[in-house]
Structure formats: structure tokens, C-alpha cells
């Protein structure tokens, strides 16, 4: 293999490495949300980063809890998230493990759409990337009850 071929192969490997895939997806997600997000922006900007059979596991105690499968499931998840949060800023991210599963700690600042309450909280995610696409996501929230309370009107069950 010639030097240019090695360089190209190396760059292709870097682009498909789990952390590179995630960083590219987070950038695309920011563009997607800036363009209006679910119902306004095209999910097609995010779809290439996710395997067709991707599975996202959200804690049942969250307003958007449950298991979300495939691209259609992710679109519904983003719609549920945007219905829950008026603001959902990923303030900082730290990659704690860079090989599968990748472990990402994210500090979030959010404002609930229903109540206007603001929260700052960490999310720890394990994310598996297969063949350059996100195949499985497991987010772990520090306090799902606090999130549910922030999103519920007074007198709501929770």
C-alpha cells in the first residue's frame, strides 16, 4: 500500500472510530435542533449516524421513557423530547471510555416546557457503535424523579 493509500485508510478508520462518529453525530444533532428540530427540520441529517435497527433505552420514570427502536423510533423520541423540554443544552461532554461501549458524561441545562422549571443534571451514556453507526444507547440519569417533578404541573401524578 502506498503512503497516500495508508493515509486515506487511516483517516477512514478515524472517521468510523466510535468517538469520531459520536462527535459528528452531536454536531449534526446541534444543526438539526438549530433548524427547528422535530416536525420542522429533516431527520435525514441525523439518520446516517444511526444503524437502521438502533435501540435507545430511556428510564421509564421520564416523560419520554421507554425503548425507542429504529429511525422512526428515534424521530418519535426527538419529538417527545422537544415536547418535554423548551431548552436542553449539553453544556459539557467528557468521553470517559473511547472504545465500545463508549462512555460519555454530559452536563445538561434544561428548562421544562410545561412548567418553566430549570434543572442542571448529569447524564452518563453507554453507546455502542457498529460499522460506523450508533447501534445502542443507554442513558443513565442521576435523578429521574427530579426530572419528572420539574416537568409536571402541580397536582400531576408523579
N, C-alpha and C. Protein backbone atom coordinates (compact mmCIF):
# COMPACT_ATOMS: atom_id res chain seq x y z
N UNK A 1 0.86 -1.18 0.00
CA UNK A 1 0.00 0.00 0.00
C UNK A 1 0.90 1.23 0.00
N UNK A 2 0.61 2.18 -0.86
CA UNK A 2 1.41 3.40 -0.93
C UNK A 2 1.09 4.30 0.26
N UNK A 3 1.94 5.29 0.51
CA UNK A 3 1.73 6.21 1.62
C UNK A 3 0.39 6.95 1.54
N UNK A 4 0.00 7.47 0.35
CA UNK A 4 -1.31 8.13 0.29
C UNK A 4 -2.46 7.17 0.62
N UNK A 5 -2.34 5.90 0.16
CA UNK A 5 -3.38 4.92 0.47
C UNK A 5 -3.46 4.64 1.96
N UNK A 6 -2.29 4.55 2.61
CA UNK A 6 -2.26 4.34 4.06
C UNK A 6 -2.91 5.51 4.78
N UNK A 7 -2.59 6.72 4.32
CA UNK A 7 -3.16 7.91 4.95
C UNK A 7 -4.69 7.92 4.80
N UNK A 8 -5.19 7.60 3.61
CA UNK A 8 -6.63 7.55 3.39
C UNK A 8 -7.27 6.47 4.25
N UNK A 9 -6.67 5.29 4.31
CA UNK A 9 -7.21 4.21 5.13
C UNK A 9 -7.22 4.62 6.60
N UNK A 10 -6.16 5.28 7.04
CA UNK A 10 -6.08 5.74 8.43
C UNK A 10 -7.17 6.76 8.73
N UNK A 11 -7.38 7.71 7.81
CA UNK A 11 -8.42 8.73 8.01
C UNK A 11 -9.80 8.10 8.02
N UNK A 12 -10.04 7.11 7.12
CA UNK A 12 -11.34 6.43 7.12
C UNK A 12 -11.55 5.73 8.45
N UNK A 13 -10.51 5.11 8.97
CA UNK A 13 -10.60 4.45 10.28
C UNK A 13 -10.91 5.43 11.38
N UNK A 14 -10.29 6.61 11.34
CA UNK A 14 -10.57 7.63 12.35
C UNK A 14 -12.01 8.10 12.28
N UNK A 15 -12.51 8.28 11.06
CA UNK A 15 -13.89 8.76 10.90
C UNK A 15 -14.88 7.74 11.41
N UNK A 16 -14.58 6.45 11.32
CA UNK A 16 -15.52 5.44 11.77
C UNK A 16 -15.26 5.00 13.21
N UNK A 17 -14.18 5.52 13.84
CA UNK A 17 -13.93 5.21 15.24
C UNK A 17 -15.11 5.72 16.07
N UNK A 18 -15.48 4.99 17.13
CA UNK A 18 -16.66 5.36 17.90
C UNK A 18 -16.74 6.83 18.33
N UNK A 19 -15.66 7.39 18.85
CA UNK A 19 -15.71 8.78 19.32
C UNK A 19 -15.92 9.74 18.16
N UNK A 20 -15.26 9.49 17.04
CA UNK A 20 -15.43 10.35 15.87
C UNK A 20 -16.88 10.31 15.39
N UNK A 21 -17.49 9.13 15.39
CA UNK A 21 -18.89 9.00 14.98
C UNK A 21 -19.77 9.83 15.92
N UNK A 22 -19.53 9.70 17.23
CA UNK A 22 -20.35 10.43 18.20
C UNK A 22 -20.17 11.93 18.08
N UNK A 23 -18.93 12.39 17.92
CA UNK A 23 -18.71 13.84 17.79
C UNK A 23 -19.40 14.38 16.54
N UNK A 24 -19.34 13.62 15.44
CA UNK A 24 -20.02 14.05 14.22
C UNK A 24 -21.54 14.05 14.42
N UNK A 25 -22.06 13.04 15.12
CA UNK A 25 -23.50 12.98 15.37
C UNK A 25 -23.94 14.14 16.25
N UNK A 26 -23.17 14.46 17.30
CA UNK A 26 -23.54 15.57 18.19
C UNK A 26 -23.56 16.89 17.40
N UNK A 27 -22.62 17.07 16.49
CA UNK A 27 -22.61 18.28 15.65
C UNK A 27 -23.84 18.32 14.75
N UNK A 28 -24.18 17.17 14.16
CA UNK A 28 -25.37 17.11 13.30
C UNK A 28 -26.64 17.33 14.13
N UNK A 29 -26.66 16.81 15.34
CA UNK A 29 -27.81 17.00 16.23
C UNK A 29 -27.99 18.48 16.56
N UNK A 30 -26.91 19.18 16.80
CA UNK A 30 -26.98 20.62 17.05
C UNK A 30 -27.56 21.36 15.86
N UNK A 31 -27.11 20.99 14.65
CA UNK A 31 -27.65 21.62 13.44
C UNK A 31 -29.13 21.30 13.27
N UNK A 32 -29.50 20.06 13.54
CA UNK A 32 -30.89 19.62 13.45
C UNK A 32 -31.77 20.42 14.41
N UNK A 33 -31.33 20.57 15.65
CA UNK A 33 -32.11 21.31 16.63
C UNK A 33 -32.15 22.81 16.30
N UNK A 34 -31.03 23.34 15.83
CA UNK A 34 -30.98 24.76 15.45
C UNK A 34 -31.92 25.05 14.28
N UNK A 35 -32.16 24.05 13.43
CA UNK A 35 -33.04 24.21 12.28
C UNK A 35 -34.51 24.01 12.66
N UNK A 36 -34.78 23.83 13.94
CA UNK A 36 -36.17 23.69 14.39
C UNK A 36 -36.51 22.34 14.98
N UNK A 37 -35.62 21.35 14.80
CA UNK A 37 -35.84 20.05 15.40
C UNK A 37 -37.04 19.31 14.85
N UNK A 38 -37.59 18.39 15.66
CA UNK A 38 -38.68 17.53 15.21
C UNK A 38 -39.88 18.31 14.67
N UNK A 39 -40.36 17.85 13.54
CA UNK A 39 -41.51 18.48 12.92
C UNK A 39 -41.16 19.65 12.03
N UNK A 40 -39.94 20.17 12.16
CA UNK A 40 -39.52 21.32 11.36
C UNK A 40 -38.27 21.02 10.54
N UNK A 41 -37.31 20.35 11.15
CA UNK A 41 -36.06 20.02 10.47
C UNK A 41 -36.14 18.58 9.93
N UNK A 42 -35.26 18.28 8.99
CA UNK A 42 -35.24 16.96 8.37
C UNK A 42 -34.40 16.00 9.20
N UNK A 43 -35.01 14.92 9.70
CA UNK A 43 -34.29 13.91 10.47
C UNK A 43 -33.20 13.24 9.62
N UNK A 44 -33.31 13.38 8.31
CA UNK A 44 -32.32 12.80 7.41
C UNK A 44 -30.90 13.27 7.69
N UNK A 45 -30.74 14.41 8.34
CA UNK A 45 -29.40 14.88 8.70
C UNK A 45 -28.80 14.03 9.82
N UNK A 46 -29.65 13.40 10.63
CA UNK A 46 -29.18 12.55 11.73
C UNK A 46 -29.15 11.07 11.38
N UNK A 47 -30.05 10.64 10.52
CA UNK A 47 -30.22 9.22 10.22
C UNK A 47 -28.93 8.49 9.86
N UNK A 48 -28.02 9.07 9.08
CA UNK A 48 -26.81 8.33 8.70
C UNK A 48 -25.92 7.93 9.89
N UNK A 49 -26.09 8.57 11.02
CA UNK A 49 -25.26 8.26 12.18
C UNK A 49 -25.80 7.09 12.99
N UNK A 50 -27.01 6.65 12.67
CA UNK A 50 -27.67 5.60 13.45
C UNK A 50 -27.92 4.37 12.58
N UNK A 51 -27.64 3.20 13.15
CA UNK A 51 -27.97 1.96 12.45
C UNK A 51 -29.48 1.90 12.25
N UNK A 52 -29.95 1.28 11.17
CA UNK A 52 -31.40 1.19 10.94
C UNK A 52 -32.14 0.52 12.10
N UNK A 53 -31.46 -0.38 12.81
CA UNK A 53 -32.09 -1.10 13.93
C UNK A 53 -31.61 -0.58 15.29
N UNK A 54 -31.21 0.69 15.36
CA UNK A 54 -30.73 1.30 16.60
C UNK A 54 -31.77 1.12 17.71
N UNK A 55 -31.28 0.97 18.94
CA UNK A 55 -32.16 0.87 20.10
C UNK A 55 -31.69 1.89 21.13
N UNK A 56 -32.64 2.72 21.58
CA UNK A 56 -32.39 3.72 22.62
C UNK A 56 -33.24 3.35 23.83
N UNK A 57 -32.60 3.18 24.98
CA UNK A 57 -33.30 2.82 26.21
C UNK A 57 -33.37 4.06 27.10
N UNK A 58 -34.60 4.52 27.40
CA UNK A 58 -34.77 5.65 28.32
C UNK A 58 -35.47 5.15 29.58
N UNK A 59 -35.08 5.68 30.72
CA UNK A 59 -35.66 5.26 32.00
C UNK A 59 -37.18 5.47 31.99
N UNK A 60 -37.90 4.49 32.49
CA UNK A 60 -39.37 4.52 32.48
C UNK A 60 -39.94 5.71 33.25
N UNK A 61 -39.23 6.22 34.26
CA UNK A 61 -39.74 7.31 35.07
C UNK A 61 -39.68 8.67 34.40
N UNK A 62 -39.11 8.74 33.21
CA UNK A 62 -39.01 10.01 32.48
C UNK A 62 -40.25 10.25 31.62
N UNK A 63 -40.56 11.51 31.33
CA UNK A 63 -41.71 11.79 30.47
C UNK A 63 -41.58 11.17 29.07
N UNK A 64 -40.36 10.85 28.66
CA UNK A 64 -40.09 10.24 27.36
C UNK A 64 -39.45 8.87 27.55
N UNK A 65 -39.83 8.21 28.66
CA UNK A 65 -39.26 6.90 28.99
C UNK A 65 -39.74 5.81 28.05
N UNK A 66 -38.95 4.75 27.99
CA UNK A 66 -39.30 3.60 27.17
C UNK A 66 -38.17 3.20 26.25
N UNK A 67 -38.45 2.25 25.40
CA UNK A 67 -37.47 1.76 24.44
C UNK A 67 -37.87 2.28 23.06
N UNK A 68 -36.94 2.93 22.41
CA UNK A 68 -37.17 3.55 21.10
C UNK A 68 -36.34 2.78 20.08
N UNK A 69 -36.99 2.25 19.05
CA UNK A 69 -36.30 1.39 18.08
C UNK A 69 -36.34 1.95 16.67
N UNK A 70 -35.19 1.84 15.99
CA UNK A 70 -35.10 2.23 14.59
C UNK A 70 -35.16 3.73 14.38
N UNK A 71 -35.03 4.13 13.13
CA UNK A 71 -35.04 5.56 12.80
C UNK A 71 -36.39 6.19 13.13
N UNK A 72 -37.48 5.48 12.87
CA UNK A 72 -38.80 6.02 13.19
C UNK A 72 -38.95 6.22 14.69
N UNK A 73 -38.44 5.27 15.46
CA UNK A 73 -38.48 5.39 16.91
C UNK A 73 -37.68 6.59 17.39
N UNK A 74 -36.51 6.82 16.79
CA UNK A 74 -35.71 7.98 17.17
C UNK A 74 -36.42 9.28 16.83
N UNK A 75 -37.08 9.32 15.68
CA UNK A 75 -37.84 10.52 15.33
C UNK A 75 -38.92 10.78 16.37
N UNK A 76 -39.63 9.74 16.79
CA UNK A 76 -40.66 9.90 17.83
C UNK A 76 -40.02 10.32 19.16
N UNK A 77 -38.85 9.77 19.47
CA UNK A 77 -38.15 10.17 20.70
C UNK A 77 -37.81 11.65 20.66
N UNK A 78 -37.23 12.13 19.56
CA UNK A 78 -36.88 13.55 19.46
C UNK A 78 -38.13 14.43 19.57
N UNK A 79 -39.24 13.97 19.04
CA UNK A 79 -40.49 14.71 19.16
C UNK A 79 -40.94 14.76 20.62
N UNK A 80 -40.86 13.64 21.33
CA UNK A 80 -41.21 13.60 22.75
C UNK A 80 -40.29 14.49 23.57
N UNK A 81 -38.99 14.45 23.27
CA UNK A 81 -38.03 15.31 23.98
C UNK A 81 -38.34 16.78 23.75
N UNK A 82 -38.62 17.15 22.51
CA UNK A 82 -38.88 18.57 22.23
C UNK A 82 -40.20 19.00 22.83
N UNK A 83 -41.13 18.07 23.02
CA UNK A 83 -42.38 18.39 23.70
C UNK A 83 -42.19 18.56 25.19
N UNK A 84 -41.16 17.94 25.73
CA UNK A 84 -40.87 18.00 27.17
C UNK A 84 -40.02 19.20 27.55
N UNK A 85 -38.99 19.46 26.73
CA UNK A 85 -38.01 20.50 27.08
C UNK A 85 -38.09 21.68 26.12
N UNK A 86 -38.16 22.86 26.68
CA UNK A 86 -38.06 24.09 25.89
C UNK A 86 -36.59 24.36 25.59
N UNK A 87 -35.74 24.06 26.56
CA UNK A 87 -34.29 24.20 26.43
C UNK A 87 -33.68 22.88 26.89
N UNK A 88 -32.73 22.36 26.13
CA UNK A 88 -31.99 21.16 26.53
C UNK A 88 -30.58 21.33 25.99
N UNK A 89 -29.76 22.05 26.77
CA UNK A 89 -28.40 22.37 26.34
C UNK A 89 -27.41 21.39 26.93
N UNK A 90 -26.60 20.80 26.06
CA UNK A 90 -25.50 19.96 26.52
C UNK A 90 -24.33 20.90 26.79
N UNK A 91 -24.17 21.28 28.06
CA UNK A 91 -23.20 22.29 28.46
C UNK A 91 -21.77 21.79 28.28
N UNK A 92 -21.54 20.54 28.67
CA UNK A 92 -20.20 19.97 28.51
C UNK A 92 -20.33 18.46 28.35
N UNK A 93 -19.34 17.89 27.67
CA UNK A 93 -19.28 16.45 27.48
C UNK A 93 -17.86 15.97 27.70
N UNK A 94 -17.78 14.80 28.30
CA UNK A 94 -16.49 14.19 28.56
C UNK A 94 -16.57 12.72 28.15
N UNK A 95 -15.64 12.29 27.31
CA UNK A 95 -15.60 10.90 26.88
C UNK A 95 -14.73 10.13 27.88
N UNK A 96 -15.38 9.27 28.66
CA UNK A 96 -14.68 8.54 29.72
C UNK A 96 -14.10 7.23 29.22
N UNK A 97 -14.71 6.65 28.20
CA UNK A 97 -14.18 5.46 27.54
C UNK A 97 -14.39 5.68 26.04
N UNK A 98 -13.39 5.37 25.24
CA UNK A 98 -13.44 5.72 23.83
C UNK A 98 -13.62 4.52 22.91
N UNK A 99 -13.67 3.33 23.45
CA UNK A 99 -13.93 2.13 22.66
C UNK A 99 -15.28 1.58 23.10
N UNK A 100 -15.86 0.70 22.30
CA UNK A 100 -17.18 0.16 22.61
C UNK A 100 -17.23 -0.61 23.92
N UNK A 101 -18.24 -0.33 24.73
CA UNK A 101 -19.14 0.79 24.55
C UNK A 101 -18.45 2.09 24.98
N UNK A 102 -18.70 3.15 24.23
CA UNK A 102 -18.19 4.47 24.57
C UNK A 102 -18.99 4.94 25.79
N UNK A 103 -18.31 5.61 26.70
CA UNK A 103 -18.99 6.16 27.87
C UNK A 103 -18.83 7.68 27.83
N UNK A 104 -19.97 8.38 27.84
CA UNK A 104 -19.97 9.84 27.74
C UNK A 104 -20.72 10.41 28.94
N UNK A 105 -20.06 11.34 29.63
CA UNK A 105 -20.73 12.07 30.72
C UNK A 105 -21.05 13.45 30.17
N UNK A 106 -22.33 13.80 30.23
CA UNK A 106 -22.80 15.07 29.71
C UNK A 106 -23.45 15.87 30.82
N UNK A 107 -23.09 17.13 30.93
CA UNK A 107 -23.77 18.04 31.86
C UNK A 107 -24.83 18.77 31.06
N UNK A 108 -26.07 18.72 31.55
CA UNK A 108 -27.21 19.29 30.83
C UNK A 108 -27.81 20.44 31.62
N UNK A 109 -28.18 21.49 30.92
CA UNK A 109 -29.03 22.55 31.48
C UNK A 109 -30.32 22.50 30.68
N UNK A 110 -31.45 22.36 31.39
CA UNK A 110 -32.72 22.21 30.69
C UNK A 110 -33.81 23.06 31.35
N UNK A 111 -34.80 23.41 30.54
CA UNK A 111 -35.99 24.11 31.04
C UNK A 111 -37.21 23.35 30.53
N UNK A 112 -38.05 22.92 31.47
CA UNK A 112 -39.25 22.16 31.12
C UNK A 112 -40.26 23.05 30.41
N UNK A 113 -40.79 22.55 29.33
CA UNK A 113 -41.77 23.29 28.55
C UNK A 113 -43.06 23.51 29.35
N UNK A 114 -43.53 22.50 30.08
CA UNK A 114 -44.82 22.58 30.77
C UNK A 114 -44.80 23.50 31.99
N UNK A 115 -43.64 23.59 32.65
CA UNK A 115 -43.60 24.33 33.92
C UNK A 115 -42.66 25.51 33.93
N UNK A 116 -41.72 25.56 33.01
CA UNK A 116 -40.71 26.60 33.01
C UNK A 116 -39.61 26.36 34.02
N UNK A 117 -39.68 25.26 34.77
CA UNK A 117 -38.64 24.95 35.77
C UNK A 117 -37.33 24.61 35.06
N UNK A 118 -36.23 25.05 35.67
CA UNK A 118 -34.91 24.77 35.12
C UNK A 118 -34.17 23.77 35.99
N UNK A 119 -33.38 22.95 35.34
CA UNK A 119 -32.58 21.93 36.01
C UNK A 119 -31.20 21.88 35.41
N UNK A 120 -30.24 21.52 36.23
CA UNK A 120 -28.90 21.16 35.77
C UNK A 120 -28.67 19.75 36.27
N UNK A 121 -28.26 18.85 35.37
CA UNK A 121 -28.07 17.46 35.79
C UNK A 121 -27.09 16.75 34.86
N UNK A 122 -26.48 15.68 35.39
CA UNK A 122 -25.59 14.88 34.55
C UNK A 122 -26.35 13.72 33.92
N UNK A 123 -25.89 13.30 32.77
CA UNK A 123 -26.33 12.06 32.14
C UNK A 123 -25.06 11.29 31.80
N UNK A 124 -25.04 10.02 32.14
CA UNK A 124 -23.95 9.14 31.74
C UNK A 124 -24.53 8.18 30.72
N UNK A 125 -23.91 8.10 29.55
CA UNK A 125 -24.42 7.22 28.49
C UNK A 125 -23.38 6.19 28.10
N UNK A 126 -23.85 4.97 27.88
CA UNK A 126 -23.01 3.98 27.21
C UNK A 126 -23.59 3.85 25.81
N UNK A 127 -22.70 3.95 24.82
CA UNK A 127 -23.14 3.97 23.43
C UNK A 127 -22.27 2.97 22.65
N UNK A 128 -22.94 2.10 21.91
CA UNK A 128 -22.24 1.12 21.10
C UNK A 128 -22.32 1.52 19.63
N UNK A 129 -21.17 1.57 18.98
CA UNK A 129 -21.07 1.91 17.57
C UNK A 129 -20.64 0.66 16.82
N UNK A 130 -21.41 0.31 15.79
CA UNK A 130 -21.10 -0.86 14.96
C UNK A 130 -21.02 -0.42 13.51
N UNK A 131 -19.93 -0.76 12.86
CA UNK A 131 -19.73 -0.40 11.44
C UNK A 131 -19.95 1.09 11.20
N UNK A 132 -19.46 1.92 12.11
CA UNK A 132 -19.52 3.37 11.93
C UNK A 132 -20.87 4.00 12.20
N UNK A 133 -21.80 3.23 12.81
CA UNK A 133 -23.12 3.78 13.12
C UNK A 133 -23.50 3.42 14.55
N UNK A 134 -24.25 4.31 15.18
CA UNK A 134 -24.69 4.09 16.55
C UNK A 134 -25.76 3.00 16.55
N UNK A 135 -25.52 1.94 17.33
CA UNK A 135 -26.42 0.79 17.35
C UNK A 135 -27.25 0.72 18.63
N UNK A 136 -26.69 1.22 19.74
CA UNK A 136 -27.39 1.10 21.01
C UNK A 136 -26.97 2.23 21.95
N UNK A 137 -27.96 2.80 22.64
CA UNK A 137 -27.70 3.90 23.57
C UNK A 137 -28.42 3.62 24.88
N UNK A 138 -27.66 3.68 25.97
CA UNK A 138 -28.21 3.52 27.33
C UNK A 138 -27.86 4.76 28.14
N UNK A 139 -28.78 5.71 28.30
CA UNK A 139 -28.52 6.87 29.16
C UNK A 139 -28.89 6.55 30.61
N UNK A 140 -28.07 7.05 31.53
CA UNK A 140 -28.31 6.88 32.97
C UNK A 140 -28.38 8.27 33.59
N UNK A 141 -29.53 8.57 34.20
CA UNK A 141 -29.77 9.87 34.80
C UNK A 141 -29.54 9.78 36.30
N UNK A 142 -29.00 10.84 36.90
CA UNK A 142 -28.73 10.87 38.32
C UNK A 142 -30.02 10.81 39.12
N UNK A 143 -31.05 11.57 38.71
CA UNK A 143 -32.28 11.66 39.49
C UNK A 143 -33.48 11.80 38.56
N UNK A 144 -34.05 10.68 38.14
CA UNK A 144 -35.19 10.72 37.22
C UNK A 144 -36.41 11.34 37.89
N UNK A 145 -36.54 11.16 39.21
CA UNK A 145 -37.70 11.74 39.92
C UNK A 145 -37.65 13.27 39.86
N UNK A 146 -36.48 13.87 40.00
CA UNK A 146 -36.35 15.33 39.93
C UNK A 146 -36.73 15.82 38.53
N UNK A 147 -36.34 15.08 37.52
CA UNK A 147 -36.69 15.46 36.15
C UNK A 147 -38.21 15.37 35.97
N UNK A 148 -38.82 14.29 36.43
CA UNK A 148 -40.27 14.13 36.31
C UNK A 148 -41.00 15.25 37.06
N UNK A 149 -40.52 15.59 38.26
CA UNK A 149 -41.15 16.68 39.03
C UNK A 149 -41.03 18.01 38.30
N UNK A 150 -39.89 18.28 37.72
CA UNK A 150 -39.69 19.56 37.01
C UNK A 150 -40.60 19.68 35.81
N UNK A 151 -40.99 18.55 35.24
CA UNK A 151 -41.81 18.56 34.03
C UNK A 151 -43.30 18.48 34.31
N UNK A 152 -43.68 18.21 35.56
CA UNK A 152 -45.10 18.01 35.90
C UNK A 152 -45.69 19.25 36.53
N UNK A 153 -46.91 19.56 36.13
CA UNK A 153 -47.64 20.66 36.76
C UNK A 153 -48.01 20.24 38.18
N UNK A 154 -48.16 21.20 39.07
CA UNK A 154 -48.59 20.92 40.45
C UNK A 154 -49.88 20.12 40.39
N UNK A 155 -49.96 19.10 41.23
CA UNK A 155 -51.15 18.27 41.28
C UNK A 155 -51.11 17.11 40.31
N UNK A 156 -50.11 17.07 39.42
CA UNK A 156 -49.98 15.94 38.50
C UNK A 156 -49.41 14.76 39.23
N UNK A 157 -49.77 13.58 38.78
CA UNK A 157 -49.21 12.37 39.37
C UNK A 157 -47.73 12.32 39.04
N UNK A 158 -46.94 11.77 39.90
CA UNK A 158 -45.51 11.68 39.60
C UNK A 158 -44.78 11.20 40.70
